[in-house]
Amino acid sequence: EGGGGMYNNNLMLGNATTAVDVTVDADPVVQRNHIYGNWKHCIHVHKQGKGKYMHNHLAHAIQGICVSDSRAEPQPEFEKNMIFSCTEAGIMVTDAGQGVFRRNLLTRNFPAQVVVKTMYSSPHFEANEVFDASIGFLLEHEAE
């Protein structure tokens, strides 16, 4: 909670649930990390977490990035990350999740590269490369 700091050039492998879990006003800078083989998420930003996430390689998880309940300002920013080989989504935005996603490369995430759920989620996607999956962007409205 409320943490920050810089996390650069780390190798994070095989964590039980999440490699980077950002919550309650935490505002880290996470860059140039290799994050692979985590059970649920490589990066999970929730409960109004923030931060900047750049130049990371994220792979072999259920979701590469999950953003939920993130109505904080400034919004979390994800830029120039490579996200691949995830089994549910490269990026999942749900439960009023927000965030800015720029110039990320998403490939081989099945069934969808990006999933946005609930009517209150409002992410911003700009200039991302999205290819080689069944679905590029899956937008699901979930009733309250």
N, C-alpha and C. Protein backbone atom coordinates (compact mmCIF):
# COMPACT_ATOMS: atom_id res chain seq x y z
N GLU A 1 0.83 -1.19 0.00
CA GLU A 1 0.00 0.00 0.00
C GLU A 1 0.87 1.24 0.00
N GLY A 2 0.59 2.14 -0.91
CA GLY A 2 1.28 3.41 -0.97
C GLY A 2 2.75 3.31 -1.34
N GLY A 3 3.22 2.13 -1.71
CA GLY A 3 4.62 1.95 -2.05
C GLY A 3 4.96 2.53 -3.40
N GLY A 4 6.23 2.65 -3.64
CA GLY A 4 6.68 3.17 -4.92
C GLY A 4 7.98 2.50 -5.29
N GLY A 5 8.94 3.28 -5.69
CA GLY A 5 10.25 2.76 -6.03
C GLY A 5 10.37 2.40 -7.49
N MET A 6 11.58 1.95 -7.85
CA MET A 6 11.88 1.53 -9.22
C MET A 6 12.29 0.07 -9.20
N TYR A 7 11.79 -0.68 -10.16
CA TYR A 7 12.06 -2.11 -10.28
C TYR A 7 12.53 -2.33 -11.71
N ASN A 8 13.84 -2.43 -11.89
CA ASN A 8 14.45 -2.48 -13.21
C ASN A 8 15.28 -3.74 -13.40
N ASN A 9 15.21 -4.30 -14.60
CA ASN A 9 16.09 -5.39 -15.02
C ASN A 9 16.07 -6.59 -14.09
N ASN A 10 14.89 -7.00 -13.66
CA ASN A 10 14.74 -8.19 -12.82
C ASN A 10 14.20 -9.35 -13.64
N LEU A 11 14.49 -10.55 -13.18
CA LEU A 11 13.93 -11.77 -13.75
C LEU A 11 13.00 -12.35 -12.69
N MET A 12 11.71 -12.47 -13.01
CA MET A 12 10.71 -12.98 -12.06
C MET A 12 10.05 -14.20 -12.69
N LEU A 13 10.23 -15.35 -12.06
CA LEU A 13 9.75 -16.61 -12.63
C LEU A 13 8.88 -17.37 -11.64
N GLY A 14 7.80 -17.97 -12.12
CA GLY A 14 7.06 -19.00 -11.40
C GLY A 14 6.50 -18.62 -10.05
N ASN A 15 6.01 -17.41 -9.89
CA ASN A 15 5.38 -17.03 -8.62
C ASN A 15 4.00 -17.67 -8.51
N ALA A 16 3.57 -17.93 -7.28
CA ALA A 16 2.33 -18.67 -7.04
C ALA A 16 1.10 -17.98 -7.61
N THR A 17 1.01 -16.66 -7.51
CA THR A 17 -0.14 -15.97 -8.10
C THR A 17 0.30 -14.84 -9.02
N THR A 18 1.01 -13.85 -8.49
CA THR A 18 1.33 -12.64 -9.24
C THR A 18 2.77 -12.23 -8.98
N ALA A 19 3.49 -11.81 -10.01
CA ALA A 19 4.87 -11.34 -9.82
C ALA A 19 4.90 -9.92 -9.28
N VAL A 20 4.09 -9.03 -9.85
CA VAL A 20 4.05 -7.62 -9.42
C VAL A 20 2.60 -7.29 -9.08
N ASP A 21 2.32 -7.03 -7.81
CA ASP A 21 0.96 -6.76 -7.32
C ASP A 21 0.93 -5.34 -6.77
N VAL A 22 0.22 -4.44 -7.44
CA VAL A 22 0.23 -3.01 -7.10
C VAL A 22 -1.17 -2.62 -6.63
N THR A 23 -1.25 -2.06 -5.42
CA THR A 23 -2.54 -1.77 -4.81
C THR A 23 -2.51 -0.49 -3.99
N VAL A 24 -3.65 0.02 -3.62
CA VAL A 24 -3.89 1.15 -2.72
C VAL A 24 -2.85 2.26 -2.83
N ASP A 25 -2.94 3.03 -3.89
CA ASP A 25 -2.11 4.21 -4.11
C ASP A 25 -0.63 3.94 -4.31
N ALA A 26 -0.22 2.70 -4.44
CA ALA A 26 1.18 2.42 -4.78
C ALA A 26 1.44 2.98 -6.18
N ASP A 27 2.65 3.50 -6.41
CA ASP A 27 2.96 4.18 -7.66
C ASP A 27 4.39 3.86 -8.09
N PRO A 28 4.67 2.59 -8.44
CA PRO A 28 6.03 2.20 -8.81
C PRO A 28 6.36 2.49 -10.28
N VAL A 29 7.65 2.42 -10.58
CA VAL A 29 8.13 2.40 -11.96
C VAL A 29 8.72 1.00 -12.16
N VAL A 30 8.15 0.25 -13.09
CA VAL A 30 8.54 -1.13 -13.35
C VAL A 30 8.98 -1.20 -14.81
N GLN A 31 10.29 -1.41 -15.04
CA GLN A 31 10.76 -1.39 -16.42
C GLN A 31 11.89 -2.38 -16.67
N ARG A 32 11.89 -2.87 -17.90
CA ARG A 32 12.91 -3.78 -18.42
C ARG A 32 13.04 -5.06 -17.59
N ASN A 33 11.90 -5.59 -17.15
CA ASN A 33 11.88 -6.84 -16.41
C ASN A 33 11.43 -7.97 -17.33
N HIS A 34 11.85 -9.18 -17.02
CA HIS A 34 11.39 -10.39 -17.68
C HIS A 34 10.56 -11.15 -16.66
N ILE A 35 9.26 -11.26 -16.93
CA ILE A 35 8.32 -11.84 -15.98
C ILE A 35 7.60 -12.98 -16.68
N TYR A 36 7.88 -14.21 -16.26
CA TYR A 36 7.39 -15.40 -16.94
C TYR A 36 6.83 -16.42 -15.95
N GLY A 37 5.87 -17.20 -16.42
CA GLY A 37 5.44 -18.40 -15.73
C GLY A 37 4.77 -18.18 -14.39
N ASN A 38 4.07 -17.08 -14.22
CA ASN A 38 3.34 -16.85 -12.98
C ASN A 38 1.95 -17.45 -13.11
N TRP A 39 1.41 -17.96 -12.03
CA TRP A 39 0.17 -18.70 -12.11
C TRP A 39 -0.99 -17.86 -12.65
N LYS A 40 -1.20 -16.67 -12.11
CA LYS A 40 -2.37 -15.88 -12.51
C LYS A 40 -1.99 -14.67 -13.37
N HIS A 41 -1.23 -13.71 -12.82
CA HIS A 41 -0.89 -12.48 -13.54
C HIS A 41 0.62 -12.25 -13.50
N CYS A 42 1.14 -11.63 -14.53
CA CYS A 42 2.50 -11.10 -14.45
C CYS A 42 2.47 -9.79 -13.66
N ILE A 43 1.55 -8.90 -14.04
CA ILE A 43 1.38 -7.61 -13.34
C ILE A 43 -0.11 -7.44 -13.04
N HIS A 44 -0.43 -7.15 -11.77
CA HIS A 44 -1.83 -6.90 -11.37
C HIS A 44 -1.89 -5.54 -10.68
N VAL A 45 -2.63 -4.61 -11.27
CA VAL A 45 -2.82 -3.27 -10.70
C VAL A 45 -4.29 -3.18 -10.31
N HIS A 46 -4.55 -2.98 -9.01
CA HIS A 46 -5.93 -2.96 -8.55
C HIS A 46 -6.07 -2.11 -7.29
N LYS A 47 -7.31 -1.94 -6.83
CA LYS A 47 -7.62 -1.15 -5.63
C LYS A 47 -6.94 0.21 -5.66
N GLN A 48 -7.07 0.89 -6.79
CA GLN A 48 -6.55 2.23 -7.02
C GLN A 48 -5.02 2.30 -7.06
N GLY A 49 -4.39 1.22 -7.49
CA GLY A 49 -2.96 1.26 -7.74
C GLY A 49 -2.66 2.11 -8.97
N LYS A 50 -1.43 2.57 -9.07
CA LYS A 50 -0.99 3.42 -10.18
C LYS A 50 0.30 2.84 -10.75
N GLY A 51 1.13 3.67 -11.34
CA GLY A 51 2.45 3.25 -11.77
C GLY A 51 2.69 3.39 -13.25
N LYS A 52 3.97 3.22 -13.60
CA LYS A 52 4.42 3.22 -14.99
C LYS A 52 5.13 1.89 -15.23
N TYR A 53 4.76 1.22 -16.33
CA TYR A 53 5.25 -0.12 -16.64
C TYR A 53 5.73 -0.09 -18.08
N MET A 54 7.06 -0.16 -18.28
CA MET A 54 7.62 0.06 -19.60
C MET A 54 8.68 -0.98 -19.95
N HIS A 55 8.70 -1.39 -21.20
CA HIS A 55 9.74 -2.25 -21.76
C HIS A 55 9.87 -3.59 -21.02
N ASN A 56 8.77 -4.13 -20.52
CA ASN A 56 8.80 -5.43 -19.85
C ASN A 56 8.42 -6.53 -20.83
N HIS A 57 8.95 -7.73 -20.61
CA HIS A 57 8.55 -8.93 -21.34
C HIS A 57 7.70 -9.75 -20.39
N LEU A 58 6.44 -9.98 -20.76
CA LEU A 58 5.48 -10.68 -19.91
C LEU A 58 4.96 -11.89 -20.67
N ALA A 59 5.03 -13.08 -20.07
CA ALA A 59 4.60 -14.27 -20.80
C ALA A 59 4.25 -15.42 -19.87
N HIS A 60 3.52 -16.38 -20.44
CA HIS A 60 3.22 -17.67 -19.81
C HIS A 60 2.52 -17.51 -18.47
N ALA A 61 1.43 -16.74 -18.47
CA ALA A 61 0.55 -16.61 -17.31
C ALA A 61 -0.88 -16.72 -17.82
N ILE A 62 -1.85 -16.71 -16.92
CA ILE A 62 -3.23 -16.67 -17.37
C ILE A 62 -3.51 -15.31 -18.01
N GLN A 63 -3.08 -14.23 -17.33
CA GLN A 63 -3.19 -12.87 -17.87
C GLN A 63 -1.84 -12.18 -17.71
N GLY A 64 -1.37 -11.56 -18.77
CA GLY A 64 -0.11 -10.82 -18.67
C GLY A 64 -0.26 -9.62 -17.76
N ILE A 65 -1.26 -8.79 -18.03
CA ILE A 65 -1.57 -7.61 -17.22
C ILE A 65 -3.05 -7.67 -16.86
N CYS A 66 -3.37 -7.42 -15.60
CA CYS A 66 -4.76 -7.27 -15.18
C CYS A 66 -4.89 -5.94 -14.45
N VAL A 67 -5.84 -5.12 -14.88
CA VAL A 67 -6.12 -3.84 -14.23
C VAL A 67 -7.58 -3.85 -13.80
N SER A 68 -7.82 -3.67 -12.51
CA SER A 68 -9.19 -3.66 -12.00
C SER A 68 -9.31 -2.65 -10.87
N ASP A 69 -10.49 -2.10 -10.72
CA ASP A 69 -10.77 -1.13 -9.66
C ASP A 69 -9.64 -0.11 -9.54
N SER A 70 -9.38 0.60 -10.63
CA SER A 70 -8.22 1.51 -10.67
C SER A 70 -8.65 2.93 -11.03
N ARG A 71 -9.59 3.46 -10.30
CA ARG A 71 -10.09 4.81 -10.59
C ARG A 71 -9.15 5.89 -10.06
N ALA A 72 -7.92 5.56 -9.83
CA ALA A 72 -6.95 6.52 -9.29
C ALA A 72 -6.46 7.46 -10.38
N GLU A 73 -6.00 8.61 -9.96
CA GLU A 73 -5.32 9.55 -10.86
C GLU A 73 -3.91 9.76 -10.33
N PRO A 74 -2.91 9.76 -11.14
CA PRO A 74 -2.99 9.45 -12.57
C PRO A 74 -3.26 7.97 -12.79
N GLN A 75 -3.77 7.64 -13.96
CA GLN A 75 -4.04 6.25 -14.31
C GLN A 75 -2.73 5.50 -14.50
N PRO A 76 -2.73 4.19 -14.27
CA PRO A 76 -1.52 3.41 -14.58
C PRO A 76 -1.22 3.47 -16.08
N GLU A 77 0.07 3.50 -16.41
CA GLU A 77 0.51 3.60 -17.81
C GLU A 77 1.36 2.40 -18.18
N PHE A 78 1.05 1.81 -19.32
CA PHE A 78 1.76 0.64 -19.83
C PHE A 78 2.27 0.98 -21.22
N GLU A 79 3.58 0.97 -21.40
CA GLU A 79 4.15 1.39 -22.68
C GLU A 79 5.30 0.49 -23.10
N LYS A 80 5.26 0.09 -24.37
CA LYS A 80 6.32 -0.68 -25.01
C LYS A 80 6.62 -1.99 -24.28
N ASN A 81 5.59 -2.66 -23.80
CA ASN A 81 5.74 -3.99 -23.22
C ASN A 81 5.48 -5.03 -24.29
N MET A 82 6.12 -6.18 -24.17
CA MET A 82 5.86 -7.32 -25.03
C MET A 82 5.11 -8.34 -24.19
N ILE A 83 3.91 -8.71 -24.64
CA ILE A 83 3.04 -9.60 -23.88
C ILE A 83 2.66 -10.77 -24.78
N PHE A 84 3.04 -11.98 -24.39
CA PHE A 84 2.80 -13.12 -25.28
C PHE A 84 2.56 -14.41 -24.50
N SER A 85 1.90 -15.34 -25.17
CA SER A 85 1.67 -16.70 -24.69
C SER A 85 0.94 -16.76 -23.35
N CYS A 86 -0.09 -15.94 -23.19
CA CYS A 86 -0.96 -16.01 -22.00
C CYS A 86 -2.21 -16.80 -22.37
N THR A 87 -2.80 -17.49 -21.40
CA THR A 87 -3.86 -18.45 -21.71
C THR A 87 -5.28 -17.89 -21.62
N GLU A 88 -5.47 -16.67 -21.12
CA GLU A 88 -6.80 -16.06 -21.09
C GLU A 88 -6.82 -14.72 -21.82
N ALA A 89 -5.83 -13.89 -21.55
CA ALA A 89 -5.73 -12.58 -22.21
C ALA A 89 -4.34 -12.01 -21.96
N GLY A 90 -3.83 -11.30 -22.95
CA GLY A 90 -2.59 -10.57 -22.73
C GLY A 90 -2.83 -9.43 -21.75
N ILE A 91 -3.94 -8.72 -21.96
CA ILE A 91 -4.36 -7.63 -21.07
C ILE A 91 -5.82 -7.83 -20.71
N MET A 92 -6.13 -7.81 -19.41
CA MET A 92 -7.50 -7.89 -18.91
C MET A 92 -7.79 -6.60 -18.14
N VAL A 93 -8.86 -5.90 -18.53
CA VAL A 93 -9.31 -4.70 -17.80
C VAL A 93 -10.73 -5.00 -17.35
N THR A 94 -10.96 -4.94 -16.03
CA THR A 94 -12.25 -5.34 -15.48
C THR A 94 -12.58 -4.57 -14.21
N ASP A 95 -13.82 -4.66 -13.76
CA ASP A 95 -14.25 -4.06 -12.49
C ASP A 95 -13.85 -2.59 -12.37
N ALA A 96 -14.28 -1.78 -13.31
CA ALA A 96 -14.00 -0.33 -13.33
C ALA A 96 -12.51 -0.04 -13.51
N GLY A 97 -11.83 -0.91 -14.22
CA GLY A 97 -10.42 -0.69 -14.50
C GLY A 97 -10.20 0.42 -15.51
N GLN A 98 -9.10 1.12 -15.35
CA GLN A 98 -8.68 2.15 -16.29
C GLN A 98 -7.20 1.91 -16.59
N GLY A 99 -6.65 2.74 -17.41
CA GLY A 99 -5.24 2.64 -17.72
C GLY A 99 -4.98 3.14 -19.12
N VAL A 100 -3.74 3.50 -19.37
CA VAL A 100 -3.31 3.96 -20.68
C VAL A 100 -2.33 2.93 -21.21
N PHE A 101 -2.61 2.39 -22.39
CA PHE A 101 -1.80 1.34 -23.01
C PHE A 101 -1.30 1.85 -24.35
N ARG A 102 0.01 2.10 -24.45
CA ARG A 102 0.60 2.66 -25.67
C ARG A 102 1.74 1.79 -26.17
N ARG A 103 1.74 1.58 -27.47
CA ARG A 103 2.85 0.95 -28.18
C ARG A 103 3.29 -0.38 -27.55
N ASN A 104 2.34 -1.17 -27.08
CA ASN A 104 2.63 -2.52 -26.59
C ASN A 104 2.50 -3.50 -27.74
N LEU A 105 3.23 -4.59 -27.67
CA LEU A 105 3.14 -5.65 -28.66
C LEU A 105 2.49 -6.85 -27.98
N LEU A 106 1.36 -7.31 -28.53
CA LEU A 106 0.64 -8.46 -28.00
C LEU A 106 0.55 -9.52 -29.08
N THR A 107 1.00 -10.74 -28.76
CA THR A 107 0.93 -11.82 -29.73
C THR A 107 0.77 -13.17 -29.02
N ARG A 108 0.07 -14.07 -29.69
CA ARG A 108 -0.13 -15.45 -29.23
C ARG A 108 -0.76 -15.54 -27.84
N ASN A 109 -1.67 -14.63 -27.51
CA ASN A 109 -2.46 -14.72 -26.29
C ASN A 109 -3.83 -15.26 -26.69
N PHE A 110 -4.27 -16.34 -26.09
CA PHE A 110 -5.52 -16.99 -26.50
C PHE A 110 -6.48 -17.09 -25.32
N PRO A 111 -7.76 -16.91 -25.54
CA PRO A 111 -8.37 -16.69 -26.85
C PRO A 111 -8.29 -15.25 -27.33
N ALA A 112 -8.02 -14.28 -26.43
CA ALA A 112 -8.02 -12.87 -26.85
C ALA A 112 -6.76 -12.16 -26.40
N GLN A 113 -6.33 -11.21 -27.21
CA GLN A 113 -5.19 -10.38 -26.83
C GLN A 113 -5.58 -9.43 -25.70
N VAL A 114 -6.74 -8.78 -25.85
CA VAL A 114 -7.22 -7.80 -24.87
C VAL A 114 -8.68 -8.11 -24.55
N VAL A 115 -9.00 -8.15 -23.25
CA VAL A 115 -10.39 -8.32 -22.80
C VAL A 115 -10.74 -7.13 -21.91
N VAL A 116 -11.84 -6.44 -22.24
CA VAL A 116 -12.35 -5.34 -21.41
C VAL A 116 -13.74 -5.74 -20.95
N LYS A 117 -13.93 -5.85 -19.62
CA LYS A 117 -15.21 -6.28 -19.05
C LYS A 117 -15.80 -5.19 -18.17
N THR A 118 -17.09 -5.19 -18.05
CA THR A 118 -17.95 -4.31 -17.26
C THR A 118 -18.13 -2.95 -17.92
N MET A 119 -19.29 -2.38 -17.68
CA MET A 119 -19.60 -1.10 -18.31
C MET A 119 -18.83 0.05 -17.69
N TYR A 120 -18.19 -0.15 -16.56
CA TYR A 120 -17.46 0.94 -15.90
C TYR A 120 -15.96 0.94 -16.22
N SER A 121 -15.46 -0.04 -16.93
CA SER A 121 -14.05 -0.05 -17.33
C SER A 121 -13.87 0.89 -18.51
N SER A 122 -12.82 1.72 -18.46
CA SER A 122 -12.62 2.69 -19.54
C SER A 122 -11.14 2.91 -19.82
N PRO A 123 -10.47 1.87 -20.35
CA PRO A 123 -9.06 2.03 -20.69
C PRO A 123 -8.87 2.81 -21.98
N HIS A 124 -7.65 3.26 -22.21
CA HIS A 124 -7.28 3.98 -23.43
C HIS A 124 -6.17 3.18 -24.11
N PHE A 125 -6.42 2.73 -25.33
CA PHE A 125 -5.44 1.98 -26.11
C PHE A 125 -5.01 2.82 -27.30
N GLU A 126 -3.69 2.93 -27.50
CA GLU A 126 -3.17 3.76 -28.59
C GLU A 126 -1.91 3.13 -29.18
N ALA A 127 -1.90 2.93 -30.48
CA ALA A 127 -0.72 2.51 -31.24
C ALA A 127 -0.12 1.20 -30.76
N ASN A 128 -0.96 0.23 -30.36
CA ASN A 128 -0.49 -1.09 -29.97
C ASN A 128 -0.44 -2.00 -31.19
N GLU A 129 0.45 -2.98 -31.18
CA GLU A 129 0.50 -4.01 -32.22
C GLU A 129 -0.15 -5.25 -31.64
N VAL A 130 -1.22 -5.71 -32.29
CA VAL A 130 -2.02 -6.82 -31.78
C VAL A 130 -2.19 -7.83 -32.91
N PHE A 131 -1.61 -9.03 -32.75
CA PHE A 131 -1.73 -10.01 -33.82
C PHE A 131 -1.54 -11.44 -33.32
N ASP A 132 -1.97 -12.39 -34.15
CA ASP A 132 -1.78 -13.82 -33.95
C ASP A 132 -2.54 -14.36 -32.74
N ALA A 133 -3.87 -14.18 -32.75
CA ALA A 133 -4.75 -14.80 -31.75
C ALA A 133 -6.13 -14.98 -32.38
N SER A 134 -7.03 -15.62 -31.67
CA SER A 134 -8.39 -15.77 -32.18
C SER A 134 -9.12 -14.44 -32.21
N ILE A 135 -8.94 -13.62 -31.16
CA ILE A 135 -9.64 -12.34 -31.03
C ILE A 135 -8.63 -11.26 -30.66
N GLY A 136 -8.69 -10.11 -31.31
CA GLY A 136 -7.81 -9.00 -30.95
C GLY A 136 -8.29 -8.32 -29.69
N PHE A 137 -9.46 -7.65 -29.77
CA PHE A 137 -10.06 -6.96 -28.62
C PHE A 137 -11.43 -7.58 -28.37
N LEU A 138 -11.67 -8.08 -27.16
CA LEU A 138 -12.96 -8.62 -26.76
C LEU A 138 -13.56 -7.67 -25.73
N LEU A 139 -14.68 -7.06 -26.08
CA LEU A 139 -15.35 -6.09 -25.20
C LEU A 139 -16.63 -6.73 -24.70
N GLU A 140 -16.72 -6.96 -23.39
CA GLU A 140 -17.87 -7.64 -22.79
C GLU A 140 -18.58 -6.72 -21.82
N HIS A 141 -19.88 -6.54 -22.02
CA HIS A 141 -20.69 -5.77 -21.07
C HIS A 141 -21.24 -6.75 -20.06
N GLU A 142 -20.94 -6.53 -18.79
CA GLU A 142 -21.47 -7.37 -17.73
C GLU A 142 -22.48 -6.57 -16.94
N ALA A 143 -23.68 -7.06 -16.82
CA ALA A 143 -24.73 -6.37 -16.06
C ALA A 143 -24.38 -6.37 -14.58
N GLU A 144 -24.82 -5.32 -13.91
CA GLU A 144 -24.56 -5.19 -12.47
C GLU A 144 -25.40 -6.18 -11.71
